Amino acid sequence: MPKVLIQTYLEAESPRHAWYQLRMIQLAEGFVVEKKSGSRGHKAHTEAWFRWEPAAARKVYDKILRAKTKTGRKRVYREVSSPDQLELF
């Protein structure tokens, strides 16, 4: 049974209310880092990356999270505790 180890919800202040969900999931065979992203009125986009070791999966997770929350980028996401936009899907 898959187990979610870490999960982060991000939102951006944008006209279409962009959102981003990042999860690290433990499987029997290894670990998956899964991202779902979208905006109001659009279908969510999903991607996933498999890693054998938890440290390697965490490295991918942290790299994506840093990139999305880095100041100075065109669309800066901020972490939110409640996935308001994700409840629409």
PDB file of N, CA and C in Angstrom:
ATOM      1  N   MET A   1       0.842  -1.187   0.000  1.00  0.00           N
ATOM      2  CA  MET A   1       0.000   0.000   0.000  1.00  0.00           C
ATOM      3  C   MET A   1       0.884   1.246   0.000  1.00  0.00           C
ATOM      4  N   PRO A   2       0.701   2.152  -0.951  1.00  0.00           N
ATOM      5  CA  PRO A   2       1.494   3.379  -0.999  1.00  0.00           C
ATOM      6  C   PRO A   2       1.274   4.239   0.246  1.00  0.00           C
ATOM      7  N   LYS A   3       2.347   4.887   0.684  1.00  0.00           N
ATOM      8  CA  LYS A   3       2.285   5.724   1.874  1.00  0.00           C
ATOM      9  C   LYS A   3       2.867   7.094   1.545  1.00  0.00           C
ATOM     10  N   VAL A   4       2.098   8.151   1.786  1.00  0.00           N
ATOM     11  CA  VAL A   4       2.581   9.510   1.555  1.00  0.00           C
ATOM     12  C   VAL A   4       3.474   9.898   2.731  1.00  0.00           C
ATOM     13  N   LEU A   5       4.757  10.168   2.434  1.00  0.00           N
ATOM     14  CA  LEU A   5       5.716  10.531   3.463  1.00  0.00           C
ATOM     15  C   LEU A   5       5.767  12.033   3.715  1.00  0.00           C
ATOM     16  N   ILE A   6       5.702  12.812   2.649  1.00  0.00           N
ATOM     17  CA  ILE A   6       5.745  14.272   2.731  1.00  0.00           C
ATOM     18  C   ILE A   6       4.772  14.816   1.690  1.00  0.00           C
ATOM     19  N   GLN A   7       4.134  15.917   2.030  1.00  0.00           N
ATOM     20  CA  GLN A   7       3.218  16.542   1.086  1.00  0.00           C
ATOM     21  C   GLN A   7       3.241  18.052   1.315  1.00  0.00           C
ATOM     22  N   THR A   8       3.348  18.822   0.234  1.00  0.00           N
ATOM     23  CA  THR A   8       3.371  20.274   0.326  1.00  0.00           C
ATOM     24  C   THR A   8       2.415  20.856  -0.706  1.00  0.00           C
ATOM     25  N   TYR A   9       1.629  21.825  -0.275  1.00  0.00           N
ATOM     26  CA  TYR A   9       0.723  22.546  -1.162  1.00  0.00           C
ATOM     27  C   TYR A   9       1.265  23.956  -1.351  1.00  0.00           C
ATOM     28  N   LEU A  10       1.283  24.404  -2.588  1.00  0.00           N
ATOM     29  CA  LEU A  10       1.760  25.744  -2.906  1.00  0.00           C
ATOM     30  C   LEU A  10       0.702  26.473  -3.729  1.00  0.00           C
ATOM     31  N   GLU A  11       0.617  27.780  -3.542  1.00  0.00           N
ATOM     32  CA  GLU A  11      -0.252  28.613  -4.355  1.00  0.00           C
ATOM     33  C   GLU A  11       0.526  29.849  -4.776  1.00  0.00           C
ATOM     34  N   ALA A  12       0.148  30.404  -5.921  1.00  0.00           N
ATOM     35  CA  ALA A  12       0.765  31.626  -6.410  1.00  0.00           C
ATOM     36  C   ALA A  12      -0.300  32.699  -6.533  1.00  0.00           C
ATOM     37  N   GLU A  13       0.110  33.928  -6.314  1.00  0.00           N
ATOM     38  CA  GLU A  13      -0.808  35.035  -6.549  1.00  0.00           C
ATOM     39  C   GLU A  13      -0.765  35.321  -8.038  1.00  0.00           C
ATOM     40  N   SER A  14      -1.707  34.758  -8.744  1.00  0.00           N
ATOM     41  CA  SER A  14      -1.770  34.906 -10.188  1.00  0.00           C
ATOM     42  C   SER A  14      -3.228  35.068 -10.593  1.00  0.00           C
ATOM     43  N   PRO A  15      -3.477  35.633 -11.772  1.00  0.00           N
ATOM     44  CA  PRO A  15      -4.867  35.844 -12.210  1.00  0.00           C
ATOM     45  C   PRO A  15      -5.708  34.569 -12.233  1.00  0.00           C
ATOM     46  N   ARG A  16      -5.094  33.440 -12.518  1.00  0.00           N
ATOM     47  CA  ARG A  16      -5.847  32.170 -12.586  1.00  0.00           C
ATOM     48  C   ARG A  16      -5.674  31.299 -11.352  1.00  0.00           C
ATOM     49  N   HIS A  17      -5.090  31.848 -10.299  1.00  0.00           N
ATOM     50  CA  HIS A  17      -4.917  31.122  -9.040  1.00  0.00           C
ATOM     51  C   HIS A  17      -4.164  29.805  -9.230  1.00  0.00           C
ATOM     52  N   ALA A  18      -2.947  29.909  -9.705  1.00  0.00           N
ATOM     53  CA  ALA A  18      -2.113  28.726  -9.936  1.00  0.00           C
ATOM     54  C   ALA A  18      -1.819  28.014  -8.621  1.00  0.00           C
ATOM     55  N   TRP A  19      -1.788  26.689  -8.673  1.00  0.00           N
ATOM     56  CA  TRP A  19      -1.482  25.882  -7.493  1.00  0.00           C
ATOM     57  C   TRP A  19      -0.534  24.757  -7.877  1.00  0.00           C
ATOM     58  N   TYR A  20       0.091  24.181  -6.866  1.00  0.00           N
ATOM     59  CA  TYR A  20       1.098  23.150  -7.070  1.00  0.00           C
ATOM     60  C   TYR A  20       1.047  22.220  -5.860  1.00  0.00           C
ATOM     61  N   GLN A  21       1.021  20.934  -6.092  1.00  0.00           N
ATOM     62  CA  GLN A  21       1.050  19.953  -5.010  1.00  0.00           C
ATOM     63  C   GLN A  21       2.242  19.044  -5.246  1.00  0.00           C
ATOM     64  N   LEU A  22       3.036  18.850  -4.216  1.00  0.00           N
ATOM     65  CA  LEU A  22       4.216  18.002  -4.302  1.00  0.00           C
ATOM     66  C   LEU A  22       4.114  16.940  -3.212  1.00  0.00           C
ATOM     67  N   ARG A  23       4.318  15.669  -3.603  1.00  0.00           N
ATOM     68  CA  ARG A  23       4.236  14.563  -2.635  1.00  0.00           C
ATOM     69  C   ARG A  23       5.391  13.594  -2.834  1.00  0.00           C
ATOM     70  N   MET A  24       5.866  13.033  -1.732  1.00  0.00           N
ATOM     71  CA  MET A  24       6.835  11.944  -1.782  1.00  0.00           C
ATOM     72  C   MET A  24       6.121  10.711  -1.241  1.00  0.00           C
ATOM     73  N   ILE A  25       6.054   9.668  -2.073  1.00  0.00           N
ATOM     74  CA  ILE A  25       5.270   8.482  -1.762  1.00  0.00           C
ATOM     75  C   ILE A  25       6.184   7.269  -1.680  1.00  0.00           C
ATOM     76  N   GLN A  26       6.003   6.464  -0.635  1.00  0.00           N
ATOM     77  CA  GLN A  26       6.757   5.218  -0.484  1.00  0.00           C
ATOM     78  C   GLN A  26       5.942   4.076  -1.070  1.00  0.00           C
ATOM     79  N   LEU A  27       6.573   3.340  -1.981  1.00  0.00           N
ATOM     80  CA  LEU A  27       5.983   2.146  -2.565  1.00  0.00           C
ATOM     81  C   LEU A  27       6.776   0.942  -2.090  1.00  0.00           C
ATOM     82  N   ALA A  28       6.303  -0.241  -2.358  1.00  0.00           N
ATOM     83  CA  ALA A  28       7.048  -1.452  -2.000  1.00  0.00           C
ATOM     84  C   ALA A  28       8.367  -1.516  -2.767  1.00  0.00           C
ATOM     85  N   GLU A  29       8.373  -0.984  -3.991  1.00  0.00           N
ATOM     86  CA  GLU A  29       9.544  -1.071  -4.865  1.00  0.00           C
ATOM     87  C   GLU A  29      10.522   0.089  -4.698  1.00  0.00           C
ATOM     88  N   GLY A  30      10.109   1.191  -4.105  1.00  0.00           N
ATOM     89  CA  GLY A  30      10.962   2.363  -3.987  1.00  0.00           C
ATOM     90  C   GLY A  30      10.152   3.586  -3.613  1.00  0.00           C
ATOM     91  N   PHE A  31      10.531   4.740  -4.168  1.00  0.00           N
ATOM     92  CA  PHE A  31       9.922   6.011  -3.797  1.00  0.00           C
ATOM     93  C   PHE A  31       9.571   6.805  -5.042  1.00  0.00           C
ATOM     94  N   VAL A  32       8.463   7.519  -4.972  1.00  0.00           N
ATOM     95  CA  VAL A  32       8.015   8.350  -6.084  1.00  0.00           C
ATOM     96  C   VAL A  32       7.831   9.778  -5.582  1.00  0.00           C
ATOM     97  N   VAL A  33       8.336  10.722  -6.361  1.00  0.00           N
ATOM     98  CA  VAL A  33       8.039  12.128  -6.123  1.00  0.00           C
ATOM     99  C   VAL A  33       7.014  12.496  -7.192  1.00  0.00           C
ATOM    100  N   GLU A  34       5.850  12.946  -6.736  1.00  0.00           N
ATOM    101  CA  GLU A  34       4.751  13.260  -7.648  1.00  0.00           C
ATOM    102  C   GLU A  34       4.395  14.728  -7.526  1.00  0.00           C
ATOM    103  N   LYS A  35       4.197  15.370  -8.673  1.00  0.00           N
ATOM    104  CA  LYS A  35       3.746  16.751  -8.656  1.00  0.00           C
ATOM    105  C   LYS A  35       2.475  16.859  -9.466  1.00  0.00           C
ATOM    106  N   LYS A  36       1.555  17.649  -8.947  1.00  0.00           N
ATOM    107  CA  LYS A  36       0.337  17.995  -9.665  1.00  0.00           C
ATOM    108  C   LYS A  36       0.285  19.514  -9.661  1.00  0.00           C
ATOM    109  N   SER A  37      -0.043  20.077 -10.810  1.00  0.00           N
ATOM    110  CA  SER A  37      -0.134  21.524 -10.880  1.00  0.00           C
ATOM    111  C   SER A  37      -1.282  21.911 -11.776  1.00  0.00           C
ATOM    112  N   GLY A  38      -1.767  23.112 -11.571  1.00  0.00           N
ATOM    113  CA  GLY A  38      -2.862  23.576 -12.394  1.00  0.00           C
ATOM    114  C   GLY A  38      -3.287  24.972 -12.000  1.00  0.00           C
ATOM    115  N   SER A  39      -4.423  25.366 -12.520  1.00  0.00           N
ATOM    116  CA  SER A  39      -5.000  26.658 -12.195  1.00  0.00           C
ATOM    117  C   SER A  39      -6.510  26.552 -12.340  1.00  0.00           C
ATOM    118  N   ARG A  40      -7.187  27.543 -11.829  1.00  0.00           N
ATOM    119  CA  ARG A  40      -8.643  27.529 -11.859  1.00  0.00           C
ATOM    120  C   ARG A  40      -9.132  27.434 -13.305  1.00  0.00           C
ATOM    121  N   GLY A  41     -10.013  26.487 -13.547  1.00  0.00           N
ATOM    122  CA  GLY A  41     -10.595  26.338 -14.871  1.00  0.00           C
ATOM    123  C   GLY A  41      -9.794  25.470 -15.827  1.00  0.00           C
ATOM    124  N   HIS A  42      -8.701  24.907 -15.371  1.00  0.00           N
ATOM    125  CA  HIS A  42      -7.879  24.057 -16.223  1.00  0.00           C
ATOM    126  C   HIS A  42      -7.644  22.703 -15.552  1.00  0.00           C
ATOM    127  N   LYS A  43      -7.484  21.687 -16.363  1.00  0.00           N
ATOM    128  CA  LYS A  43      -7.224  20.343 -15.873  1.00  0.00           C
ATOM    129  C   LYS A  43      -5.833  20.281 -15.244  1.00  0.00           C
ATOM    130  N   ALA A  44      -5.697  19.532 -14.163  1.00  0.00           N
ATOM    131  CA  ALA A  44      -4.412  19.384 -13.477  1.00  0.00           C
ATOM    132  C   ALA A  44      -3.418  18.603 -14.333  1.00  0.00           C
ATOM    133  N   HIS A  45      -2.164  18.947 -14.204  1.00  0.00           N
ATOM    134  CA  HIS A  45      -1.076  18.264 -14.905  1.00  0.00           C
ATOM    135  C   HIS A  45      -0.294  17.474 -13.860  1.00  0.00           C
ATOM    136  N   THR A  46       0.008  16.214 -14.144  1.00  0.00           N
ATOM    137  CA  THR A  46       0.708  15.354 -13.196  1.00  0.00           C
ATOM    138  C   THR A  46       1.988  14.811 -13.811  1.00  0.00           C
ATOM    139  N   GLU A  47       3.047  14.811 -13.004  1.00  0.00           N
ATOM    140  CA  GLU A  47       4.323  14.187 -13.376  1.00  0.00           C
ATOM    141  C   GLU A  47       4.835  13.437 -12.158  1.00  0.00           C
ATOM    142  N   ALA A  48       5.675  12.428 -12.399  1.00  0.00           N
ATOM    143  CA  ALA A  48       6.235  11.648 -11.293  1.00  0.00           C
ATOM    144  C   ALA A  48       7.645  11.183 -11.641  1.00  0.00           C
ATOM    145  N   TRP A  49       8.466  11.078 -10.592  1.00  0.00           N
ATOM    146  CA  TRP A  49       9.854  10.624 -10.740  1.00  0.00           C
ATOM    147  C   TRP A  49      10.103   9.514  -9.731  1.00  0.00           C
ATOM    148  N   PHE A  50      10.614   8.395 -10.200  1.00  0.00           N
ATOM    149  CA  PHE A  50      10.882   7.233  -9.343  1.00  0.00           C
ATOM    150  C   PHE A  50      12.340   7.237  -8.900  1.00  0.00           C
ATOM    151  N   ARG A  51      12.579   6.881  -7.640  1.00  0.00           N
ATOM    152  CA  ARG A  51      13.927   6.704  -7.099  1.00  0.00           C
ATOM    153  C   ARG A  51      13.924   5.464  -6.207  1.00  0.00           C
ATOM    154  N   TRP A  52      15.034   4.744  -6.220  1.00  0.00           N
ATOM    155  CA  TRP A  52      15.156   3.539  -5.395  1.00  0.00           C
ATOM    156  C   TRP A  52      15.352   3.876  -3.926  1.00  0.00           C
ATOM    157  N   GLU A  53      16.107   4.918  -3.632  1.00  0.00           N
ATOM    158  CA  GLU A  53      16.487   5.266  -2.256  1.00  0.00           C
ATOM    159  C   GLU A  53      15.708   6.482  -1.746  1.00  0.00           C
ATOM    160  N   PRO A  54      15.372   6.494  -0.453  1.00  0.00           N
ATOM    161  CA  PRO A  54      14.634   7.634   0.096  1.00  0.00           C
ATOM    162  C   PRO A  54      15.428   8.943   0.027  1.00  0.00           C
ATOM    163  N   ALA A  55      16.733   8.877   0.219  1.00  0.00           N
ATOM    164  CA  ALA A  55      17.559  10.095   0.161  1.00  0.00           C
ATOM    165  C   ALA A  55      17.544  10.700  -1.242  1.00  0.00           C
ATOM    166  N   ALA A  56      17.564   9.865  -2.260  1.00  0.00           N
ATOM    167  CA  ALA A  56      17.530  10.344  -3.640  1.00  0.00           C
ATOM    168  C   ALA A  56      16.169  10.971  -3.961  1.00  0.00           C
ATOM    169  N   ALA A  57      15.102  10.372  -3.466  1.00  0.00           N
ATOM    170  CA  ALA A  57      13.761  10.921  -3.685  1.00  0.00           C
ATOM    171  C   ALA A  57      13.611  12.253  -2.957  1.00  0.00           C
ATOM    172  N   ARG A  58      14.135  12.326  -1.746  1.00  0.00           N
ATOM    173  CA  ARG A  58      14.055  13.574  -0.968  1.00  0.00           C
ATOM    174  C   ARG A  58      14.837  14.688  -1.656  1.00  0.00           C
ATOM    175  N   LYS A  59      15.934  14.332  -2.285  1.00  0.00           N
ATOM    176  CA  LYS A  59      16.739  15.319  -3.003  1.00  0.00           C
ATOM    177  C   LYS A  59      15.939  15.915  -4.163  1.00  0.00           C
ATOM    178  N   VAL A  60      15.227  15.074  -4.905  1.00  0.00           N
ATOM    179  CA  VAL A  60      14.366  15.543  -6.008  1.00  0.00           C
ATOM    180  C   VAL A  60      13.259  16.433  -5.456  1.00  0.00           C
ATOM    181  N   TYR A  61      12.623  15.994  -4.389  1.00  0.00           N
ATOM    182  CA  TYR A  61      11.535  16.741  -3.745  1.00  0.00           C
ATOM    183  C   TYR A  61      12.008  18.136  -3.334  1.00  0.00           C
ATOM    184  N   ASP A  62      13.121  18.184  -2.623  1.00  0.00           N
ATOM    185  CA  ASP A  62      13.654  19.460  -2.138  1.00  0.00           C
ATOM    186  C   ASP A  62      14.065  20.382  -3.277  1.00  0.00           C
ATOM    187  N   LYS A  63      14.636  19.823  -4.328  1.00  0.00           N
ATOM    188  CA  LYS A  63      15.065  20.615  -5.482  1.00  0.00           C
ATOM    189  C   LYS A  63      13.860  21.287  -6.150  1.00  0.00           C
ATOM    190  N   ILE A  64      12.783  20.546  -6.340  1.00  0.00           N
ATOM    191  CA  ILE A  64      11.577  21.096  -6.953  1.00  0.00           C
ATOM    192  C   ILE A  64      10.970  22.171  -6.053  1.00  0.00           C
ATOM    193  N   LEU A  65      10.896  21.894  -4.758  1.00  0.00           N
ATOM    194  CA  LEU A  65      10.323  22.841  -3.807  1.00  0.00           C
ATOM    195  C   LEU A  65      11.120  24.143  -3.776  1.00  0.00           C
ATOM    196  N   ARG A  66      12.440  24.047  -3.753  1.00  0.00           N
ATOM    197  CA  ARG A  66      13.296  25.249  -3.774  1.00  0.00           C
ATOM    198  C   ARG A  66      13.069  26.054  -5.048  1.00  0.00           C
ATOM    199  N   ALA A  67      12.983  25.364  -6.172  1.00  0.00           N
ATOM    200  CA  ALA A  67      12.805  26.048  -7.456  1.00  0.00           C
ATOM    201  C   ALA A  67      11.478  26.802  -7.508  1.00  0.00           C
ATOM    202  N   LYS A  68      10.428  26.221  -6.982  1.00  0.00           N
ATOM    203  CA  LYS A  68       9.109  26.849  -7.036  1.00  0.00           C
ATOM    204  C   LYS A  68       8.951  28.005  -6.052  1.00  0.00           C
ATOM    205  N   THR A  69       9.672  27.982  -4.949  1.00  0.00           N
ATOM    206  CA  THR A  69       9.524  29.017  -3.925  1.00  0.00           C
ATOM    207  C   THR A  69      10.665  30.039  -3.951  1.00  0.00           C
ATOM    208  N   LYS A  70      11.547  29.927  -4.906  1.00  0.00           N
ATOM    209  CA  LYS A  70      12.694  30.836  -5.003  1.00  0.00           C
ATOM    210  C   LYS A  70      12.229  32.252  -5.347  1.00  0.00           C
ATOM    211  N   THR A  71      12.720  33.220  -4.585  1.00  0.00           N
ATOM    212  CA  THR A  71      12.371  34.609  -4.879  1.00  0.00           C
ATOM    213  C   THR A  71      13.057  35.046  -6.164  1.00  0.00           C
ATOM    214  N   GLY A  72      12.415  35.955  -6.858  1.00  0.00           N
ATOM    215  CA  GLY A  72      12.979  36.466  -8.088  1.00  0.00           C
ATOM    216  C   GLY A  72      12.502  35.763  -9.344  1.00  0.00           C
ATOM    217  N   ARG A  73      11.779  34.653  -9.201  1.00  0.00           N
ATOM    218  CA  ARG A  73      11.252  33.997 -10.394  1.00  0.00           C
ATOM    219  C   ARG A  73       9.942  34.661 -10.790  1.00  0.00           C
ATOM    220  N   LYS A  74       9.523  34.424 -12.019  1.00  0.00           N
ATOM    221  CA  LYS A  74       8.323  35.081 -12.550  1.00  0.00           C
ATOM    222  C   LYS A  74       7.089  34.777 -11.696  1.00  0.00           C
ATOM    223  N   ARG A  75       6.862  33.506 -11.379  1.00  0.00           N
ATOM    224  CA  ARG A  75       5.736  33.104 -10.538  1.00  0.00           C
ATOM    225  C   ARG A  75       6.286  32.441  -9.283  1.00  0.00           C
ATOM    226  N   VAL A  76       6.186  33.140  -8.172  1.00  0.00           N
ATOM    227  CA  VAL A  76       6.672  32.607  -6.904  1.00  0.00           C
ATOM    228  C   VAL A  76       5.506  31.980  -6.150  1.00  0.00           C
ATOM    229  N   TYR A  77       5.672  30.731  -5.784  1.00  0.00           N
ATOM    230  CA  TYR A  77       4.660  30.028  -5.014  1.00  0.00           C
ATOM    231  C   TYR A  77       4.958  30.168  -3.533  1.00  0.00           C
ATOM    232  N   ARG A  78       3.907  30.134  -2.734  1.00  0.00           N
ATOM    233  CA  ARG A  78       4.071  30.140  -1.280  1.00  0.00           C
ATOM    234  C   ARG A  78       3.332  28.927  -0.718  1.00  0.00           C
ATOM    235  N   GLU A  79       3.869  28.404   0.360  1.00  0.00           N
ATOM    236  CA  GLU A  79       3.270  27.227   0.977  1.00  0.00           C
ATOM    237  C   GLU A  79       1.991  27.616   1.696  1.00  0.00           C
ATOM    238  N   VAL A  80       0.974  26.779   1.547  1.00  0.00           N
ATOM    239  CA  VAL A  80      -0.300  26.991   2.230  1.00  0.00           C
ATOM    240  C   VAL A  80      -0.661  25.728   2.995  1.00  0.00           C
ATOM    241  N   SER A  81      -1.383  25.911   4.091  1.00  0.00           N
ATOM    242  CA  SER A  81      -1.744  24.746   4.901  1.00  0.00           C
ATOM    243  C   SER A  81      -2.983  24.032   4.374  1.00  0.00           C
ATOM    244  N   SER A  82      -3.860  24.769   3.717  1.00  0.00           N
ATOM    245  CA  SER A  82      -5.089  24.174   3.211  1.00  0.00           C
ATOM    246  C   SER A  82      -5.097  24.210   1.686  1.00  0.00           C
ATOM    247  N   PRO A  83      -5.327  23.101   1.053  1.00  0.00           N
ATOM    248  CA  PRO A  83      -5.339  23.058  -0.408  1.00  0.00           C
ATOM    249  C   PRO A  83      -6.661  23.537  -1.005  1.00  0.00           C
ATOM    250  N   ASP A  84      -6.973  24.826  -0.865  1.00  0.00           N
ATOM    251  CA  ASP A  84      -8.254  25.355  -1.334  1.00  0.00           C
ATOM    252  C   ASP A  84      -8.508  25.063  -2.804  1.00  0.00           C
ATOM    253  N   GLN A  85      -7.539  25.314  -3.654  1.00  0.00           N
ATOM    254  CA  GLN A  85      -7.720  25.118  -5.081  1.00  0.00           C
ATOM    255  C   GLN A  85      -7.821  23.635  -5.435  1.00  0.00           C
ATOM    256  N   LEU A  86      -7.145  22.777  -4.700  1.00  0.00           N
ATOM    257  CA  LEU A  86      -7.142  21.352  -5.034  1.00  0.00           C
ATOM    258  C   LEU A  86      -8.486  20.696  -4.752  1.00  0.00           C
ATOM    259  N   GLU A  87      -9.291  21.312  -3.891  1.00  0.00           N
ATOM    260  CA  GLU A  87     -10.596  20.740  -3.589  1.00  0.00           C
ATOM    261  C   GLU A  87     -11.527  20.803  -4.797  1.00  0.00           C
ATOM    262  N   LEU A  88     -11.166  21.607  -5.784  1.00  0.00           N
ATOM    263  CA  LEU A  88     -11.988  21.716  -6.986  1.00  0.00           C
ATOM    264  C   LEU A  88     -11.818  20.527  -7.918  1.00  0.00           C
ATOM    265  N   PHE A  89     -10.784  19.719  -7.706  1.00  0.00           N
ATOM    266  CA  PHE A  89     -10.465  18.632  -8.642  1.00  0.00           C
ATOM    267  C   PHE A  89     -10.812  17.289  -8.071  1.00  0.00           C
TER     268      PHE A  89
END
